[in-house]
Amino acid sequence: MVFKKLLQAVGVGGPEVETILHNPNTRPGDTVTGEVTIIGGSHDSEILGVNLALKTRVEIESGDNEYKQDLEYAKLPIGGRFKLDDGARYSIPFQFPIPWEAPLTHLYGQALHGTTVGIATELEVAKAVDATDLDPIAVHPLPAQERILTAFQNLGFRFRNADCEKGRIWGVHQELPFYQEIEFYPPAQLARSINQLEVTFVSYPQSMEVVLELDKRGGVFTEGRDAFSRFTVDYATFQNTNWEQQLDGFLQQAGRRRGLF
């Protein structure tokens, strides 16, 4: 269980909030369950609403500058208006659906450095809104995502970092206003040609789009270029494919098309 307490919502003697997640481990398309308990302070309070918000830290480009901020991309109202007597306890169970496009935070039980996902509890009291810090959740890959990532590791790619960027991928249907890039160092035989491989999953209930980006090493008089490859993976049939062989073919094709190697 994950436990979080909100500081007094509106000054001294105001209500407090406790949020408990039954299990912080989840996958895209699954549901996180738990309970929010609101504890009355030293005086009666008028609660206007209780909400949960799913947030992720994303990178935003603005002109020539880049910065990061927590982006809210899913919200769940779990309580309406009610009166909270002083010292009273009011509990609200919840079920929070995790979007299919939610970024991954873990692989094989290990954190993917660079990505965080969390749930914040928002309490509206007397025209004021106070919120907890993020209660982190661990978003593990779908079986098809795990198989693709394992195939890259078997091809010699080594995990480097994972981050989220605000924006949309051309030609890919997205529900969320950002996407995750999982970055890998290339194997030795490709290290002279490319800096890194970036893998992006855009998942749906029955299938997912996989977008690959090869970042070329720039020479003294040349700039690095990116090569893209995109394909669809069906959850019902993905186990029938030799993904090491398939991905190597995608990479070779993309590299030759852009003259990377």
Protein backbone atom coordinates (compact mmCIF):
# COMPACT_ATOMS: atom_id res chain seq x y z
CA MET A 1 0.00 0.00 0.00
CA VAL A 2 1.08 3.57 -0.67
CA PHE A 3 0.12 6.16 1.93
CA LYS A 4 0.09 9.94 1.49
CA LYS A 5 -1.16 12.74 3.70
CA LEU A 6 -2.12 16.19 2.48
CA LEU A 7 -1.19 19.10 4.71
CA GLN A 8 -4.08 21.07 6.13
CA ALA A 9 -6.03 22.27 3.15
CA VAL A 10 -6.97 25.79 4.21
CA GLY A 11 -4.87 27.06 7.04
CA VAL A 12 -4.61 25.95 10.63
CA GLY A 13 -7.42 23.64 11.68
CA GLY A 14 -8.48 22.81 8.15
CA PRO A 15 -9.27 19.30 6.86
CA GLU A 16 -6.60 16.76 5.98
CA VAL A 17 -6.54 14.07 3.32
CA GLU A 18 -5.12 10.56 3.35
CA THR A 19 -4.74 8.69 0.05
CA ILE A 20 -4.07 4.95 -0.05
CA LEU A 21 -3.28 3.06 -3.26
CA HIS A 22 -4.04 -0.64 -2.89
CA ASN A 23 -1.29 -1.53 -5.38
CA PRO A 24 0.90 1.07 -7.13
CA ASN A 25 1.92 -1.43 -9.84
CA THR A 26 -0.09 -1.25 -13.04
CA ARG A 27 0.05 -1.44 -16.85
CA PRO A 28 -1.37 0.71 -19.63
CA GLY A 29 -5.10 0.08 -19.88
CA ASP A 30 -5.36 -1.27 -16.32
CA THR A 31 -6.97 0.35 -13.28
CA VAL A 32 -5.42 1.64 -10.05
CA THR A 33 -7.69 1.29 -7.01
CA GLY A 34 -7.55 2.86 -3.59
CA GLU A 35 -9.31 5.04 -1.07
CA VAL A 36 -9.23 8.71 -0.16
CA THR A 37 -10.11 9.64 3.43
CA ILE A 38 -10.86 13.24 4.38
CA ILE A 39 -10.47 14.08 8.06
CA GLY A 40 -12.30 17.08 9.47
CA GLY A 41 -10.26 19.78 11.18
CA SER A 42 -11.07 21.88 14.23
CA HIS A 43 -14.10 23.43 12.54
CA ASP A 44 -16.80 22.40 10.06
CA SER A 45 -15.83 22.63 6.40
CA GLU A 46 -17.75 22.80 3.15
CA ILE A 47 -16.10 20.40 0.71
CA LEU A 48 -16.83 21.43 -2.86
CA GLY A 49 -15.21 18.48 -4.62
CA VAL A 50 -12.55 15.77 -4.52
CA ASN A 51 -10.56 14.86 -7.63
CA LEU A 52 -7.67 12.63 -8.60
CA ALA A 53 -5.24 13.68 -11.33
CA LEU A 54 -2.69 11.62 -13.23
CA LYS A 55 0.52 13.56 -13.92
CA THR A 56 3.82 12.99 -15.71
CA ARG A 57 6.89 15.18 -16.04
CA VAL A 58 7.32 16.20 -19.67
CA GLU A 59 9.85 18.17 -21.68
CA ILE A 60 8.46 21.21 -23.50
CA GLU A 61 10.16 23.10 -26.33
CA SER A 62 9.48 26.81 -26.54
CA GLY A 63 11.43 28.54 -29.28
CA ASP A 64 15.09 27.80 -28.65
CA ASN A 65 14.48 26.86 -25.02
CA GLU A 66 13.50 23.61 -23.33
CA TYR A 67 12.03 23.14 -19.88
CA LYS A 68 10.22 20.44 -17.89
CA GLN A 69 6.95 20.54 -15.99
CA ASP A 70 4.36 18.19 -14.51
CA LEU A 71 1.59 17.72 -17.05
CA GLU A 72 -1.88 16.61 -15.97
CA TYR A 73 -3.39 14.33 -18.60
CA ALA A 74 -6.21 12.45 -16.87
CA LYS A 75 -8.62 13.58 -14.16
CA LEU A 76 -11.17 11.62 -12.13
CA PRO A 77 -13.80 13.35 -9.96
CA ILE A 78 -14.52 11.03 -7.03
CA GLY A 79 -16.57 13.25 -4.69
CA GLY A 80 -19.05 16.10 -4.95
CA ARG A 81 -20.17 18.74 -2.51
CA PHE A 82 -20.74 17.78 1.11
CA LYS A 83 -20.38 19.17 4.63
CA LEU A 84 -17.51 17.80 6.73
CA ASP A 85 -18.01 18.15 10.48
CA ASP A 86 -15.04 18.88 12.69
CA GLY A 87 -13.11 15.69 13.47
CA ALA A 88 -15.27 13.54 11.15
CA ARG A 89 -13.84 11.02 8.67
CA TYR A 90 -15.23 10.66 5.17
CA SER A 91 -13.84 7.88 2.93
CA ILE A 92 -14.21 7.57 -0.85
CA PRO A 93 -13.10 4.41 -2.70
CA PHE A 94 -11.89 4.94 -6.27
CA GLN A 95 -10.95 3.14 -9.46
CA PHE A 96 -8.64 5.18 -11.70
CA PRO A 97 -8.32 3.91 -15.32
CA ILE A 98 -4.76 4.21 -16.64
CA PRO A 99 -4.68 5.46 -20.26
CA TRP A 100 -3.39 3.04 -22.88
CA GLU A 101 -0.78 5.63 -23.89
CA ALA A 102 0.54 6.08 -20.34
CA PRO A 103 4.36 6.16 -20.32
CA LEU A 104 6.27 3.25 -18.84
CA THR A 105 8.22 3.73 -15.62
CA HIS A 106 9.57 0.20 -15.03
CA LEU A 107 10.97 -2.76 -16.95
CA TYR A 108 11.69 -6.14 -15.31
CA GLY A 109 11.04 -4.51 -11.94
CA GLN A 110 13.70 -1.83 -12.48
CA ALA A 111 12.92 1.86 -12.84
CA LEU A 112 13.35 3.41 -16.28
CA HIS A 113 15.42 6.44 -15.32
CA GLY A 114 13.91 9.68 -16.55
CA THR A 115 10.15 8.99 -16.34
CA THR A 116 7.80 9.45 -13.38
CA VAL A 117 4.04 8.94 -13.21
CA GLY A 118 1.94 9.79 -10.18
CA ILE A 119 -1.54 10.44 -8.87
CA ALA A 120 -2.32 13.71 -7.07
CA THR A 121 -5.35 14.18 -4.81
CA GLU A 122 -7.11 17.53 -5.13
CA LEU A 123 -9.44 18.86 -2.43
CA GLU A 124 -11.66 21.85 -3.19
CA VAL A 125 -12.58 23.74 -0.03
CA ALA A 126 -14.28 27.14 0.08
CA LYS A 127 -13.09 28.21 -3.38
CA ALA A 128 -9.54 27.01 -2.65
CA VAL A 129 -7.85 23.96 -4.14
CA ASP A 130 -5.04 22.12 -2.43
CA ALA A 131 -3.27 19.04 -3.77
CA THR A 132 -0.90 16.40 -2.55
CA ASP A 133 2.49 15.76 -4.01
CA LEU A 134 2.46 12.90 -6.49
CA ASP A 135 1.80 9.42 -5.17
CA PRO A 136 4.06 7.54 -7.61
CA ILE A 137 2.73 4.57 -9.51
CA ALA A 138 4.81 1.98 -11.36
CA VAL A 139 3.65 1.52 -14.95
CA HIS A 140 5.01 -1.81 -16.24
CA PRO A 141 5.02 -2.71 -19.95
CA LEU A 142 2.35 -4.65 -21.73
CA PRO A 143 3.55 -8.12 -22.87
CA ALA A 144 3.98 -6.86 -26.44
CA GLN A 145 5.98 -3.83 -25.28
CA GLU A 146 8.18 -6.00 -23.08
CA ARG A 147 8.86 -8.36 -26.00
CA ILE A 148 9.96 -5.49 -28.26
CA LEU A 149 12.24 -3.99 -25.61
CA THR A 150 13.75 -7.42 -24.87
CA ALA A 151 14.45 -7.93 -28.57
CA PHE A 152 16.42 -4.70 -28.72
CA GLN A 153 18.44 -5.78 -25.70
CA ASN A 154 19.11 -9.13 -27.39
CA LEU A 155 20.39 -7.20 -30.43
CA GLY A 156 22.95 -5.48 -28.20
CA PHE A 157 21.20 -2.19 -27.48
CA ARG A 158 21.65 -0.92 -23.91
CA PHE A 159 19.09 1.18 -22.06
CA ARG A 160 20.15 4.82 -21.70
CA ASN A 161 17.23 6.94 -20.55
CA ALA A 162 13.48 7.47 -20.88
CA ASP A 163 11.69 10.79 -21.07
CA CYS A 164 8.42 12.31 -22.22
CA GLU A 165 8.08 15.11 -24.75
CA LYS A 166 5.05 17.30 -25.26
CA GLY A 167 3.81 17.12 -28.83
CA ARG A 168 2.50 14.71 -31.42
CA ILE A 169 4.05 12.24 -33.82
CA TRP A 170 3.17 12.86 -37.45
CA GLY A 171 0.83 10.25 -38.87
CA VAL A 172 0.11 8.55 -35.53
CA HIS A 173 -3.23 8.85 -33.69
CA GLN A 174 -2.61 10.04 -30.12
CA GLU A 175 -5.09 10.66 -27.32
CA LEU A 176 -2.49 12.22 -25.01
CA PRO A 177 -0.66 15.49 -25.76
CA PHE A 178 2.79 13.93 -25.29
CA TYR A 179 4.78 10.79 -26.07
CA GLN A 180 7.55 8.82 -24.38
CA GLU A 181 10.96 8.11 -25.90
CA ILE A 182 12.90 5.14 -24.53
CA GLU A 183 16.52 5.66 -25.49
CA PHE A 184 19.17 3.01 -26.07
CA TYR A 185 22.91 3.09 -26.71
CA PRO A 186 23.74 1.26 -29.95
CA PRO A 187 25.67 -2.05 -30.05
CA ALA A 188 29.38 -1.91 -30.88
CA GLN A 189 28.90 -2.63 -34.59
CA LEU A 190 26.65 0.45 -34.97
CA ALA A 191 28.37 2.81 -32.52
CA ARG A 192 30.39 4.54 -35.26
CA SER A 193 27.27 5.31 -37.26
CA ILE A 194 24.62 6.32 -34.71
CA ASN A 195 24.44 7.94 -31.28
CA GLN A 196 21.31 6.26 -30.02
CA LEU A 197 18.05 4.51 -30.82
CA GLU A 198 14.78 6.00 -29.57
CA VAL A 199 11.71 3.78 -29.22
CA THR A 200 8.19 5.17 -28.81
CA PHE A 201 5.03 3.15 -28.12
CA VAL A 202 1.59 4.54 -28.86
CA SER A 203 -0.74 1.89 -27.50
CA TYR A 204 -4.42 1.13 -28.12
CA PRO A 205 -6.71 -1.61 -26.71
CA GLN A 206 -5.94 -4.20 -29.45
CA SER A 207 -2.64 -3.04 -30.94
CA MET A 208 0.12 -0.47 -30.72
CA GLU A 209 2.23 1.66 -33.01
CA VAL A 210 6.00 1.44 -32.58
CA VAL A 211 8.09 4.36 -33.81
CA LEU A 212 11.87 3.99 -34.11
CA GLU A 213 14.29 6.87 -34.48
CA LEU A 214 17.98 6.45 -35.25
CA ASP A 215 20.09 9.45 -34.29
CA LYS A 216 23.12 9.66 -36.58
CA ARG A 217 26.53 10.75 -35.38
CA GLY A 218 27.52 14.09 -36.90
CA GLY A 219 30.93 14.43 -38.48
CA VAL A 220 33.23 17.44 -38.40
CA PHE A 221 31.55 18.96 -41.45
CA THR A 222 28.18 17.23 -41.32
CA GLU A 223 25.14 17.37 -39.10
CA GLY A 224 23.50 14.33 -37.56
CA ARG A 225 20.29 13.12 -39.19
CA ASP A 226 17.41 11.04 -37.92
CA ALA A 227 15.95 7.97 -39.61
CA PHE A 228 12.42 6.87 -38.78
CA SER A 229 10.65 3.55 -39.00
CA ARG A 230 7.08 2.81 -37.91
CA PHE A 231 5.08 -0.41 -37.66
CA THR A 232 1.99 -1.86 -35.98
CA VAL A 233 2.03 -4.70 -33.45
CA ASP A 234 -1.13 -6.75 -32.84
CA TYR A 235 -1.45 -8.01 -29.26
CA ALA A 236 -3.16 -11.21 -30.39
CA THR A 237 -0.36 -12.32 -32.73
CA PHE A 238 2.85 -10.63 -31.59
CA GLN A 239 4.24 -13.86 -30.11
CA ASN A 240 4.33 -15.42 -33.59
CA THR A 241 7.09 -13.07 -34.77
CA ASN A 242 10.88 -13.36 -34.44
CA TRP A 243 11.29 -9.80 -33.27
CA GLU A 244 15.08 -9.83 -33.18
CA GLN A 245 15.11 -10.62 -36.88
CA GLN A 246 12.23 -8.28 -37.68
CA LEU A 247 13.67 -5.30 -35.81
CA ASP A 248 17.11 -5.80 -37.30
CA GLY A 249 15.47 -5.66 -40.72
CA PHE A 250 13.60 -2.46 -39.87
CA LEU A 251 16.80 -0.82 -38.63
CA GLN A 252 18.86 -1.87 -41.64
CA GLN A 253 16.18 -0.65 -44.02
CA ALA A 254 15.83 2.71 -42.27
CA GLY A 255 19.61 3.12 -42.06
CA ARG A 256 20.18 2.39 -45.76
CA ARG A 257 17.33 4.68 -46.78
CA ARG A 258 18.93 7.59 -44.93
CA GLY A 259 22.53 6.63 -45.59
CA LEU A 260 23.39 6.04 -41.94
CA PHE A 261 25.21 2.77 -42.55
